[in-house]
Amino acid sequence: MEYQRSDRVGDLILEVVAELLRKEIRDPRVHAVALTGIKVSKDLRHARLFFNLLGGQEDRDKALAGLKSASGVIRSKLGKQLNLRFVPAIEFTYDESEDEAQRIDALLKQVKI
C-alpha cells in the first residue's frame, strides 16, 4: 500500500515541529509537551497536531495556550524548512488516548478484584 502525500508531508511537519519545540521555542508552558500524532488534510491546507503532557494533564490549558501563541513562529519556520506551495494552518489538540487508556486499565483492575 502506498502512502498518501498528505501522510508523508504530515510526518515531515511532525518532525520539524518537534525539533522546533525542543530547540527554539522558549515558552515554559510548552516544555512538557510531547507530540503524539498529526492529521493533514488531503489538500495540505490544514494540519492538526496532537500533543500530550509528560508530567500529567493538570497544565493542559496552559500548554495549549503556549502552543497557540507559538503557532505563528512554528508556521513561519515550517515555510522556510519545507518546500511547499502552501504552509498548512496549524491547530493543536490535546490527545485524549493516553487518559482513556489509563481509565480503561483502572476499570479492568476493578473488575479483576
PDB file of N, CA and C in Angstrom:
ATOM      1  N   MET A   1       0.836  -1.176   0.000  1.00  0.00           N
ATOM      2  CA  MET A   1       0.000   0.000   0.000  1.00  0.00           C
ATOM      3  C   MET A   1       0.887   1.246   0.000  1.00  0.00           C
ATOM      4  N   GLU A   2       0.573   2.197  -0.820  1.00  0.00           N
ATOM      5  CA  GLU A   2       1.338   3.419  -0.911  1.00  0.00           C
ATOM      6  C   GLU A   2       0.828   4.447   0.096  1.00  0.00           C
ATOM      7  N   TYR A   3       1.748   5.250   0.571  1.00  0.00           N
ATOM      8  CA  TYR A   3       1.373   6.328   1.466  1.00  0.00           C
ATOM      9  C   TYR A   3       0.847   7.507   0.660  1.00  0.00           C
ATOM     10  N   GLN A   4      -0.140   8.167   1.204  1.00  0.00           N
ATOM     11  CA  GLN A   4      -0.650   9.390   0.599  1.00  0.00           C
ATOM     12  C   GLN A   4       0.381  10.502   0.792  1.00  0.00           C
ATOM     13  N   ARG A   5       0.376  11.461  -0.082  1.00  0.00           N
ATOM     14  CA  ARG A   5       1.299  12.585   0.039  1.00  0.00           C
ATOM     15  C   ARG A   5       1.043  13.333   1.344  1.00  0.00           C
ATOM     16  N   SER A   6      -0.206  13.453   1.740  1.00  0.00           N
ATOM     17  CA  SER A   6      -0.525  14.160   2.977  1.00  0.00           C
ATOM     18  C   SER A   6       0.086  13.451   4.191  1.00  0.00           C
ATOM     19  N   ASP A   7       0.163  12.124   4.153  1.00  0.00           N
ATOM     20  CA  ASP A   7       0.798  11.378   5.246  1.00  0.00           C
ATOM     21  C   ASP A   7       2.299  11.652   5.303  1.00  0.00           C
ATOM     22  N   ARG A   8       2.939  11.672   4.152  1.00  0.00           N
ATOM     23  CA  ARG A   8       4.379  11.936   4.106  1.00  0.00           C
ATOM     24  C   ARG A   8       4.693  13.360   4.557  1.00  0.00           C
ATOM     25  N   VAL A   9       3.905  14.312   4.088  1.00  0.00           N
ATOM     26  CA  VAL A   9       4.103  15.699   4.499  1.00  0.00           C
ATOM     27  C   VAL A   9       3.817  15.841   5.995  1.00  0.00           C
ATOM     28  N   GLY A  10       2.811  15.150   6.480  1.00  0.00           N
ATOM     29  CA  GLY A  10       2.499  15.178   7.910  1.00  0.00           C
ATOM     30  C   GLY A  10       3.640  14.667   8.758  1.00  0.00           C
ATOM     31  N   ASP A  11       4.283  13.592   8.324  1.00  0.00           N
ATOM     32  CA  ASP A  11       5.434  13.074   9.058  1.00  0.00           C
ATOM     33  C   ASP A  11       6.567  14.098   9.106  1.00  0.00           C
ATOM     34  N   LEU A  12       6.797  14.781   7.991  1.00  0.00           N
ATOM     35  CA  LEU A  12       7.824  15.824   7.958  1.00  0.00           C
ATOM     36  C   LEU A  12       7.475  16.983   8.877  1.00  0.00           C
ATOM     37  N   ILE A  13       6.218  17.398   8.836  1.00  0.00           N
ATOM     38  CA  ILE A  13       5.780  18.503   9.688  1.00  0.00           C
ATOM     39  C   ILE A  13       5.944  18.130  11.155  1.00  0.00           C
ATOM     40  N   LEU A  14       5.548  16.924  11.511  1.00  0.00           N
ATOM     41  CA  LEU A  14       5.659  16.470  12.896  1.00  0.00           C
ATOM     42  C   LEU A  14       7.107  16.484  13.357  1.00  0.00           C
ATOM     43  N   GLU A  15       7.998  16.027  12.509  1.00  0.00           N
ATOM     44  CA  GLU A  15       9.423  16.000  12.843  1.00  0.00           C
ATOM     45  C   GLU A  15       9.977  17.418  13.028  1.00  0.00           C
ATOM     46  N   VAL A  16       9.633  18.310  12.121  1.00  0.00           N
ATOM     47  CA  VAL A  16      10.145  19.684  12.201  1.00  0.00           C
ATOM     48  C   VAL A  16       9.574  20.413  13.415  1.00  0.00           C
ATOM     49  N   VAL A  17       8.286  20.258  13.672  1.00  0.00           N
ATOM     50  CA  VAL A  17       7.666  20.944  14.812  1.00  0.00           C
ATOM     51  C   VAL A  17       8.223  20.408  16.126  1.00  0.00           C
ATOM     52  N   ALA A  18       8.439  19.116  16.228  1.00  0.00           N
ATOM     53  CA  ALA A  18       9.025  18.546  17.448  1.00  0.00           C
ATOM     54  C   ALA A  18      10.419  19.123  17.681  1.00  0.00           C
ATOM     55  N   GLU A  19      11.185  19.264  16.626  1.00  0.00           N
ATOM     56  CA  GLU A  19      12.523  19.842  16.737  1.00  0.00           C
ATOM     57  C   GLU A  19      12.449  21.315  17.146  1.00  0.00           C
ATOM     58  N   LEU A  20      11.510  22.042  16.582  1.00  0.00           N
ATOM     59  CA  LEU A  20      11.342  23.449  16.948  1.00  0.00           C
ATOM     60  C   LEU A  20      10.940  23.606  18.410  1.00  0.00           C
ATOM     61  N   LEU A  21      10.033  22.766  18.869  1.00  0.00           N
ATOM     62  CA  LEU A  21       9.612  22.844  20.267  1.00  0.00           C
ATOM     63  C   LEU A  21      10.762  22.518  21.211  1.00  0.00           C
ATOM     64  N   ARG A  22      11.596  21.603  20.783  1.00  0.00           N
ATOM     65  CA  ARG A  22      12.714  21.177  21.632  1.00  0.00           C
ATOM     66  C   ARG A  22      13.825  22.210  21.670  1.00  0.00           C
ATOM     67  N   LYS A  23      14.112  22.855  20.538  1.00  0.00           N
ATOM     68  CA  LYS A  23      15.298  23.713  20.454  1.00  0.00           C
ATOM     69  C   LYS A  23      15.021  25.211  20.456  1.00  0.00           C
ATOM     70  N   GLU A  24      13.952  25.665  19.825  1.00  0.00           N
ATOM     71  CA  GLU A  24      13.818  27.090  19.580  1.00  0.00           C
ATOM     72  C   GLU A  24      12.703  27.784  20.346  1.00  0.00           C
ATOM     73  N   ILE A  25      11.664  27.093  20.701  1.00  0.00           N
ATOM     74  CA  ILE A  25      10.552  27.727  21.418  1.00  0.00           C
ATOM     75  C   ILE A  25      10.922  27.775  22.899  1.00  0.00           C
ATOM     76  N   ARG A  26      10.986  28.992  23.443  1.00  0.00           N
ATOM     77  CA  ARG A  26      11.439  29.183  24.823  1.00  0.00           C
ATOM     78  C   ARG A  26      10.304  29.350  25.832  1.00  0.00           C
ATOM     79  N   ASP A  27       9.092  29.181  25.395  1.00  0.00           N
ATOM     80  CA  ASP A  27       7.938  29.347  26.277  1.00  0.00           C
ATOM     81  C   ASP A  27       7.919  28.228  27.316  1.00  0.00           C
ATOM     82  N   PRO A  28       7.939  28.548  28.606  1.00  0.00           N
ATOM     83  CA  PRO A  28       7.961  27.492  29.632  1.00  0.00           C
ATOM     84  C   PRO A  28       6.690  26.649  29.673  1.00  0.00           C
ATOM     85  N   ARG A  29       5.609  27.146  29.093  1.00  0.00           N
ATOM     86  CA  ARG A  29       4.353  26.385  29.099  1.00  0.00           C
ATOM     87  C   ARG A  29       4.417  25.161  28.193  1.00  0.00           C
ATOM     88  N   VAL A  30       5.340  25.124  27.235  1.00  0.00           N
ATOM     89  CA  VAL A  30       5.381  24.022  26.271  1.00  0.00           C
ATOM     90  C   VAL A  30       6.551  23.079  26.493  1.00  0.00           C
ATOM     91  N   HIS A  31       7.257  23.216  27.608  1.00  0.00           N
ATOM     92  CA  HIS A  31       8.410  22.333  27.845  1.00  0.00           C
ATOM     93  C   HIS A  31       8.013  20.881  28.079  1.00  0.00           C
ATOM     94  N   ALA A  32       6.852  20.640  28.660  1.00  0.00           N
ATOM     95  CA  ALA A  32       6.428  19.272  28.964  1.00  0.00           C
ATOM     96  C   ALA A  32       5.570  18.664  27.863  1.00  0.00           C
ATOM     97  N   VAL A  33       5.515  19.301  26.693  1.00  0.00           N
ATOM     98  CA  VAL A  33       4.671  18.836  25.599  1.00  0.00           C
ATOM     99  C   VAL A  33       5.388  17.772  24.785  1.00  0.00           C
ATOM    100  N   ALA A  34       4.669  16.695  24.494  1.00  0.00           N
ATOM    101  CA  ALA A  34       5.165  15.649  23.593  1.00  0.00           C
ATOM    102  C   ALA A  34       4.152  15.496  22.466  1.00  0.00           C
ATOM    103  N   LEU A  35       4.613  15.629  21.238  1.00  0.00           N
ATOM    104  CA  LEU A  35       3.726  15.466  20.093  1.00  0.00           C
ATOM    105  C   LEU A  35       3.468  13.982  19.862  1.00  0.00           C
ATOM    106  N   THR A  36       2.204  13.630  19.675  1.00  0.00           N
ATOM    107  CA  THR A  36       1.853  12.214  19.536  1.00  0.00           C
ATOM    108  C   THR A  36       1.375  11.844  18.148  1.00  0.00           C
ATOM    109  N   GLY A  37       0.950  12.811  17.357  1.00  0.00           N
ATOM    110  CA  GLY A  37       0.460  12.478  16.025  1.00  0.00           C
ATOM    111  C   GLY A  37       0.059  13.708  15.257  1.00  0.00           C
ATOM    112  N   ILE A  38      -0.304  13.478  14.000  1.00  0.00           N
ATOM    113  CA  ILE A  38      -0.706  14.577  13.133  1.00  0.00           C
ATOM    114  C   ILE A  38      -1.701  14.069  12.104  1.00  0.00           C
ATOM    115  N   LYS A  39      -2.648  14.916  11.754  1.00  0.00           N
ATOM    116  CA  LYS A  39      -3.565  14.653  10.645  1.00  0.00           C
ATOM    117  C   LYS A  39      -3.504  15.856   9.723  1.00  0.00           C
ATOM    118  N   VAL A  40      -3.205  15.592   8.468  1.00  0.00           N
ATOM    119  CA  VAL A  40      -3.111  16.654   7.476  1.00  0.00           C
ATOM    120  C   VAL A  40      -4.199  16.429   6.440  1.00  0.00           C
ATOM    121  N   SER A  41      -4.873  17.507   6.060  1.00  0.00           N
ATOM    122  CA  SER A  41      -5.915  17.382   5.044  1.00  0.00           C
ATOM    123  C   SER A  41      -5.293  17.006   3.709  1.00  0.00           C
ATOM    124  N   LYS A  42      -6.099  16.435   2.838  1.00  0.00           N
ATOM    125  CA  LYS A  42      -5.605  15.969   1.537  1.00  0.00           C
ATOM    126  C   LYS A  42      -5.036  17.106   0.691  1.00  0.00           C
ATOM    127  N   ASP A  43      -5.598  18.315   0.846  1.00  0.00           N
ATOM    128  CA  ASP A  43      -5.094  19.442   0.065  1.00  0.00           C
ATOM    129  C   ASP A  43      -3.918  20.157   0.735  1.00  0.00           C
ATOM    130  N   LEU A  44      -3.468  19.638   1.868  1.00  0.00           N
ATOM    131  CA  LEU A  44      -2.309  20.151   2.617  1.00  0.00           C
ATOM    132  C   LEU A  44      -2.507  21.579   3.126  1.00  0.00           C
ATOM    133  N   ARG A  45      -3.737  21.976   3.346  1.00  0.00           N
ATOM    134  CA  ARG A  45      -4.015  23.331   3.827  1.00  0.00           C
ATOM    135  C   ARG A  45      -4.173  23.400   5.349  1.00  0.00           C
ATOM    136  N   HIS A  46      -4.520  22.270   5.971  1.00  0.00           N
ATOM    137  CA  HIS A  46      -4.763  22.242   7.416  1.00  0.00           C
ATOM    138  C   HIS A  46      -4.027  21.062   8.043  1.00  0.00           C
ATOM    139  N   ALA A  47      -3.418  21.323   9.194  1.00  0.00           N
ATOM    140  CA  ALA A  47      -2.735  20.269   9.941  1.00  0.00           C
ATOM    141  C   ALA A  47      -3.178  20.335  11.395  1.00  0.00           C
ATOM    142  N   ARG A  48      -3.596  19.200  11.911  1.00  0.00           N
ATOM    143  CA  ARG A  48      -3.978  19.099  13.317  1.00  0.00           C
ATOM    144  C   ARG A  48      -2.919  18.259  14.020  1.00  0.00           C
ATOM    145  N   LEU A  49      -2.193  18.897  14.929  1.00  0.00           N
ATOM    146  CA  LEU A  49      -1.149  18.216  15.688  1.00  0.00           C
ATOM    147  C   LEU A  49      -1.710  17.816  17.051  1.00  0.00           C
ATOM    148  N   PHE A  50      -1.501  16.572  17.416  1.00  0.00           N
ATOM    149  CA  PHE A  50      -1.966  16.063  18.700  1.00  0.00           C
ATOM    150  C   PHE A  50      -0.798  16.042  19.671  1.00  0.00           C
ATOM    151  N   PHE A  51      -1.055  16.477  20.904  1.00  0.00           N
ATOM    152  CA  PHE A  51       0.005  16.514  21.906  1.00  0.00           C
ATOM    153  C   PHE A  51      -0.480  15.915  23.212  1.00  0.00           C
ATOM    154  N   ASN A  52       0.496  15.530  24.015  1.00  0.00           N
ATOM    155  CA  ASN A  52       0.249  15.010  25.340  1.00  0.00           C
ATOM    156  C   ASN A  52       1.233  15.690  26.273  1.00  0.00           C
ATOM    157  N   LEU A  53       0.972  15.673  27.554  1.00  0.00           N
ATOM    158  CA  LEU A  53       1.875  16.277  28.522  1.00  0.00           C
ATOM    159  C   LEU A  53       2.641  15.194  29.251  1.00  0.00           C
ATOM    160  N   LEU A  54       3.931  15.397  29.405  1.00  0.00           N
ATOM    161  CA  LEU A  54       4.770  14.398  30.046  1.00  0.00           C
ATOM    162  C   LEU A  54       4.526  14.326  31.548  1.00  0.00           C
ATOM    163  N   GLY A  55       4.258  15.453  32.187  1.00  0.00           N
ATOM    164  CA  GLY A  55       4.087  15.469  33.625  1.00  0.00           C
ATOM    165  C   GLY A  55       2.684  15.110  34.086  1.00  0.00           C
ATOM    166  N   GLY A  56       1.712  15.214  33.264  1.00  0.00           N
ATOM    167  CA  GLY A  56       0.325  14.996  33.641  1.00  0.00           C
ATOM    168  C   GLY A  56      -0.552  15.982  32.908  1.00  0.00           C
ATOM    169  N   GLN A  57      -1.840  15.922  33.174  1.00  0.00           N
ATOM    170  CA  GLN A  57      -2.771  16.745  32.409  1.00  0.00           C
ATOM    171  C   GLN A  57      -3.196  18.021  33.119  1.00  0.00           C
ATOM    172  N   GLU A  58      -2.678  18.305  34.304  1.00  0.00           N
ATOM    173  CA  GLU A  58      -3.175  19.459  35.044  1.00  0.00           C
ATOM    174  C   GLU A  58      -2.844  20.791  34.381  1.00  0.00           C
ATOM    175  N   ASP A  59      -1.799  20.873  33.575  1.00  0.00           N
ATOM    176  CA  ASP A  59      -1.431  22.120  32.900  1.00  0.00           C
ATOM    177  C   ASP A  59      -1.824  22.108  31.427  1.00  0.00           C
ATOM    178  N   ARG A  60      -2.829  21.357  31.075  1.00  0.00           N
ATOM    179  CA  ARG A  60      -3.234  21.210  29.680  1.00  0.00           C
ATOM    180  C   ARG A  60      -3.639  22.541  29.041  1.00  0.00           C
ATOM    181  N   ASP A  61      -4.409  23.351  29.738  1.00  0.00           N
ATOM    182  CA  ASP A  61      -4.859  24.621  29.172  1.00  0.00           C
ATOM    183  C   ASP A  61      -3.700  25.589  28.972  1.00  0.00           C
ATOM    184  N   LYS A  62      -2.759  25.596  29.918  1.00  0.00           N
ATOM    185  CA  LYS A  62      -1.589  26.465  29.780  1.00  0.00           C
ATOM    186  C   LYS A  62      -0.727  26.023  28.596  1.00  0.00           C
ATOM    187  N   ALA A  63      -0.535  24.727  28.452  1.00  0.00           N
ATOM    188  CA  ALA A  63       0.267  24.214  27.341  1.00  0.00           C
ATOM    189  C   ALA A  63      -0.400  24.527  26.013  1.00  0.00           C
ATOM    190  N   LEU A  64      -1.709  24.377  25.938  1.00  0.00           N
ATOM    191  CA  LEU A  64      -2.440  24.682  24.714  1.00  0.00           C
ATOM    192  C   LEU A  64      -2.325  26.169  24.369  1.00  0.00           C
ATOM    193  N   ALA A  65      -2.405  27.023  25.373  1.00  0.00           N
ATOM    194  CA  ALA A  65      -2.244  28.459  25.144  1.00  0.00           C
ATOM    195  C   ALA A  65      -0.833  28.773  24.654  1.00  0.00           C
ATOM    196  N   GLY A  66       0.167  28.110  25.216  1.00  0.00           N
ATOM    197  CA  GLY A  66       1.542  28.314  24.776  1.00  0.00           C
ATOM    198  C   GLY A  66       1.758  27.849  23.351  1.00  0.00           C
ATOM    199  N   LEU A  67       1.165  26.732  22.996  1.00  0.00           N
ATOM    200  CA  LEU A  67       1.293  26.224  21.627  1.00  0.00           C
ATOM    201  C   LEU A  67       0.582  27.138  20.633  1.00  0.00           C
ATOM    202  N   LYS A  68      -0.573  27.628  21.015  1.00  0.00           N
ATOM    203  CA  LYS A  68      -1.300  28.538  20.123  1.00  0.00           C
ATOM    204  C   LYS A  68      -0.528  29.837  19.918  1.00  0.00           C
ATOM    205  N   SER A  69       0.105  30.336  20.979  1.00  0.00           N
ATOM    206  CA  SER A  69       0.867  31.574  20.829  1.00  0.00           C
ATOM    207  C   SER A  69       2.124  31.369  19.988  1.00  0.00           C
ATOM    208  N   ALA A  70       2.661  30.159  19.975  1.00  0.00           N
ATOM    209  CA  ALA A  70       3.866  29.866  19.188  1.00  0.00           C
ATOM    210  C   ALA A  70       3.537  29.385  17.783  1.00  0.00           C
ATOM    211  N   SER A  71       2.273  29.218  17.452  1.00  0.00           N
ATOM    212  CA  SER A  71       1.920  28.629  16.157  1.00  0.00           C
ATOM    213  C   SER A  71       2.342  29.498  14.980  1.00  0.00           C
ATOM    214  N   GLY A  72       2.338  30.802  15.134  1.00  0.00           N
ATOM    215  CA  GLY A  72       2.784  31.683  14.059  1.00  0.00           C
ATOM    216  C   GLY A  72       4.262  31.506  13.756  1.00  0.00           C
ATOM    217  N   VAL A  73       5.066  31.430  14.796  1.00  0.00           N
ATOM    218  CA  VAL A  73       6.506  31.214  14.630  1.00  0.00           C
ATOM    219  C   VAL A  73       6.754  29.832  14.034  1.00  0.00           C
ATOM    220  N   ILE A  74       6.026  28.840  14.518  1.00  0.00           N
ATOM    221  CA  ILE A  74       6.183  27.481  14.005  1.00  0.00           C
ATOM    222  C   ILE A  74       5.816  27.427  12.533  1.00  0.00           C
ATOM    223  N   ARG A  75       4.740  28.065  12.168  1.00  0.00           N
ATOM    224  CA  ARG A  75       4.308  28.054  10.767  1.00  0.00           C
ATOM    225  C   ARG A  75       5.317  28.772   9.873  1.00  0.00           C
ATOM    226  N   SER A  76       5.882  29.854  10.372  1.00  0.00           N
ATOM    227  CA  SER A  76       6.896  30.579   9.615  1.00  0.00           C
ATOM    228  C   SER A  76       8.140  29.724   9.394  1.00  0.00           C
ATOM    229  N   LYS A  77       8.595  29.053  10.431  1.00  0.00           N
ATOM    230  CA  LYS A  77       9.782  28.188  10.314  1.00  0.00           C
ATOM    231  C   LYS A  77       9.495  26.985   9.418  1.00  0.00           C
ATOM    232  N   LEU A  78       8.272  26.473   9.474  1.00  0.00           N
ATOM    233  CA  LEU A  78       7.891  25.372   8.583  1.00  0.00           C
ATOM    234  C   LEU A  78       7.988  25.800   7.129  1.00  0.00           C
ATOM    235  N   GLY A  79       7.526  27.001   6.853  1.00  0.00           N
ATOM    236  CA  GLY A  79       7.574  27.511   5.491  1.00  0.00           C
ATOM    237  C   GLY A  79       8.997  27.634   4.978  1.00  0.00           C
ATOM    238  N   LYS A  80       9.924  27.975   5.856  1.00  0.00           N
ATOM    239  CA  LYS A  80      11.323  28.107   5.456  1.00  0.00           C
ATOM    240  C   LYS A  80      11.996  26.749   5.266  1.00  0.00           C
ATOM    241  N   GLN A  81      11.624  25.764   6.096  1.00  0.00           N
ATOM    242  CA  GLN A  81      12.305  24.464   6.048  1.00  0.00           C
ATOM    243  C   GLN A  81      11.704  23.510   5.016  1.00  0.00           C
ATOM    244  N   LEU A  82      10.396  23.556   4.839  1.00  0.00           N
ATOM    245  CA  LEU A  82       9.747  22.665   3.887  1.00  0.00           C
ATOM    246  C   LEU A  82       9.476  23.429   2.603  1.00  0.00           C
ATOM    247  N   ASN A  83       9.676  22.790   1.514  1.00  0.00           N
ATOM    248  CA  ASN A  83       9.476  23.452   0.227  1.00  0.00           C
ATOM    249  C   ASN A  83       8.071  23.126  -0.281  1.00  0.00           C
ATOM    250  N   LEU A  84       7.073  23.790   0.313  1.00  0.00           N
ATOM    251  CA  LEU A  84       5.681  23.558  -0.048  1.00  0.00           C
ATOM    252  C   LEU A  84       5.094  24.818  -0.661  1.00  0.00           C
ATOM    253  N   ARG A  85       4.142  24.640  -1.523  1.00  0.00           N
ATOM    254  CA  ARG A  85       3.453  25.795  -2.117  1.00  0.00           C
ATOM    255  C   ARG A  85       2.656  26.538  -1.051  1.00  0.00           C
ATOM    256  N   PHE A  86       1.972  25.791  -0.199  1.00  0.00           N
ATOM    257  CA  PHE A  86       1.193  26.370   0.889  1.00  0.00           C
ATOM    258  C   PHE A  86       1.646  25.746   2.197  1.00  0.00           C
ATOM    259  N   VAL A  87       1.847  26.579   3.202  1.00  0.00           N
ATOM    260  CA  VAL A  87       2.145  26.078   4.541  1.00  0.00           C
ATOM    261  C   VAL A  87       0.807  25.865   5.233  1.00  0.00           C
ATOM    262  N   PRO A  88       0.576  24.664   5.761  1.00  0.00           N
ATOM    263  CA  PRO A  88      -0.741  24.397   6.353  1.00  0.00           C
ATOM    264  C   PRO A  88      -1.012  25.225   7.608  1.00  0.00           C
ATOM    265  N   ALA A  89      -2.274  25.535   7.812  1.00  0.00           N
ATOM    266  CA  ALA A  89      -2.701  26.170   9.060  1.00  0.00           C
ATOM    267  C   ALA A  89      -2.580  25.122  10.163  1.00  0.00           C
ATOM    268  N   ILE A  90      -2.014  25.517  11.281  1.00  0.00           N
ATOM    269  CA  ILE A  90      -1.716  24.563  12.352  1.00  0.00           C
ATOM    270  C   ILE A  90      -2.724  24.720  13.476  1.00  0.00           C
ATOM    271  N   GLU A  91      -3.243  23.586  13.925  1.00  0.00           N
ATOM    272  CA  GLU A  91      -4.164  23.547  15.058  1.00  0.00           C
ATOM    273  C   GLU A  91      -3.643  22.490  16.028  1.00  0.00           C
ATOM    274  N   PHE A  92      -3.559  22.833  17.291  1.00  0.00           N
ATOM    275  CA  PHE A  92      -3.099  21.887  18.303  1.00  0.00           C
ATOM    276  C   PHE A  92      -4.300  21.351  19.073  1.00  0.00           C
ATOM    277  N   THR A  93      -4.291  20.036  19.315  1.00  0.00           N
ATOM    278  CA  THR A  93      -5.374  19.368  20.024  1.00  0.00           C
ATOM    279  C   THR A  93      -4.768  18.418  21.050  1.00  0.00           C
ATOM    280  N   TYR A  94      -5.321  18.440  22.254  1.00  0.00           N
ATOM    281  CA  TYR A  94      -4.844  17.521  23.288  1.00  0.00           C
ATOM    282  C   TYR A  94      -5.259  16.102  22.933  1.00  0.00           C
ATOM    283  N   ASP A  95      -4.326  15.166  23.035  1.00  0.00           N
ATOM    284  CA  ASP A  95      -4.569  13.763  22.704  1.00  0.00           C
ATOM    285  C   ASP A  95      -5.125  13.047  23.934  1.00  0.00           C
ATOM    286  N   GLU A  96      -6.377  12.661  23.865  1.00  0.00           N
ATOM    287  CA  GLU A  96      -7.070  12.027  24.993  1.00  0.00           C
ATOM    288  C   GLU A  96      -6.801  10.531  25.106  1.00  0.00           C
ATOM    289  N   SER A  97      -6.114   9.930  24.152  1.00  0.00           N
ATOM    290  CA  SER A  97      -5.987   8.477  24.110  1.00  0.00           C
ATOM    291  C   SER A  97      -5.241   7.916  25.324  1.00  0.00           C
ATOM    292  N   GLU A  98      -4.223   8.611  25.807  1.00  0.00           N
ATOM    293  CA  GLU A  98      -3.472   8.134  26.973  1.00  0.00           C
ATOM    294  C   GLU A  98      -4.350   8.143  28.221  1.00  0.00           C
ATOM    295  N   ASP A  99      -5.104   9.206  28.412  1.00  0.00           N
ATOM    296  CA  ASP A  99      -6.006   9.297  29.565  1.00  0.00           C
ATOM    297  C   ASP A  99      -7.087   8.218  29.494  1.00  0.00           C
ATOM    298  N   GLU A 100      -7.599   8.000  28.299  1.00  0.00           N
ATOM    299  CA  GLU A 100      -8.639   6.981  28.110  1.00  0.00           C
ATOM    300  C   GLU A 100      -8.086   5.582  28.387  1.00  0.00           C
ATOM    301  N   ALA A 101      -6.851   5.323  27.965  1.00  0.00           N
ATOM    302  CA  ALA A 101      -6.226   4.020  28.211  1.00  0.00           C
ATOM    303  C   ALA A 101      -6.034   3.793  29.710  1.00  0.00           C
ATOM    304  N   GLN A 102      -5.636   4.826  30.439  1.00  0.00           N
ATOM    305  CA  GLN A 102      -5.471   4.693  31.884  1.00  0.00           C
ATOM    306  C   GLN A 102      -6.808   4.450  32.577  1.00  0.00           C
ATOM    307  N   ARG A 103      -7.855   5.102  32.100  1.00  0.00           N
ATOM    308  CA  ARG A 103      -9.187   4.907  32.688  1.00  0.00           C
ATOM    309  C   ARG A 103      -9.668   3.480  32.463  1.00  0.00           C
ATOM    310  N   ILE A 104      -9.461   2.963  31.260  1.00  0.00           N
ATOM    311  CA  ILE A 104      -9.880   1.587  30.944  1.00  0.00           C
ATOM    312  C   ILE A 104      -9.076   0.589  31.762  1.00  0.00           C
ATOM    313  N   ASP A 105      -7.778   0.858  31.921  1.00  0.00           N
ATOM    314  CA  ASP A 105      -6.924  -0.030  32.723  1.00  0.00           C
ATOM    315  C   ASP A 105      -7.401  -0.058  34.171  1.00  0.00           C
ATOM    316  N   ALA A 106      -7.767   1.094  34.719  1.00  0.00           N
ATOM    317  CA  ALA A 106      -8.260   1.130  36.100  1.00  0.00           C
ATOM    318  C   ALA A 106      -9.578   0.363  36.233  1.00  0.00           C
ATOM    319  N   LEU A 107     -10.453   0.485  35.236  1.00  0.00           N
ATOM    320  CA  LEU A 107     -11.714  -0.257  35.271  1.00  0.00           C
ATOM    321  C   LEU A 107     -11.487  -1.754  35.204  1.00  0.00           C
ATOM    322  N   LEU A 108     -10.551  -2.179  34.377  1.00  0.00           N
ATOM    323  CA  LEU A 108     -10.234  -3.606  34.266  1.00  0.00           C
ATOM    324  C   LEU A 108      -9.648  -4.158  35.561  1.00  0.00           C
ATOM    325  N   LYS A 109      -8.848  -3.356  36.239  1.00  0.00           N
ATOM    326  CA  LYS A 109      -8.291  -3.777  37.521  1.00  0.00           C
ATOM    327  C   LYS A 109      -9.387  -3.919  38.574  1.00  0.00           C
ATOM    328  N   GLN A 110     -10.400  -3.051  38.523  1.00  0.00           N
ATOM    329  CA  GLN A 110     -11.508  -3.143  39.475  1.00  0.00           C
ATOM    330  C   GLN A 110     -12.318  -4.420  39.223  1.00  0.00           C
ATOM    331  N   VAL A 111     -12.518  -4.763  37.970  1.00  0.00           N
ATOM    332  CA  VAL A 111     -13.286  -5.948  37.626  1.00  0.00           C
ATOM    333  C   VAL A 111     -12.523  -7.207  38.025  1.00  0.00           C
ATOM    334  N   LYS A 112     -11.222  -7.182  37.904  1.00  0.00           N
ATOM    335  CA  LYS A 112     -10.385  -8.331  38.204  1.00  0.00           C
ATOM    336  C   LYS A 112     -10.391  -8.653  39.693  1.00  0.00           C
ATOM    337  N   ILE A 113     -10.567  -7.654  40.549  1.00  0.00           N
ATOM    338  CA  ILE A 113     -10.547  -7.864  42.002  1.00  0.00           C
ATOM    339  C   ILE A 113     -11.783  -8.524  42.418  1.00  0.00           C
TER     340      ILE A 113
END
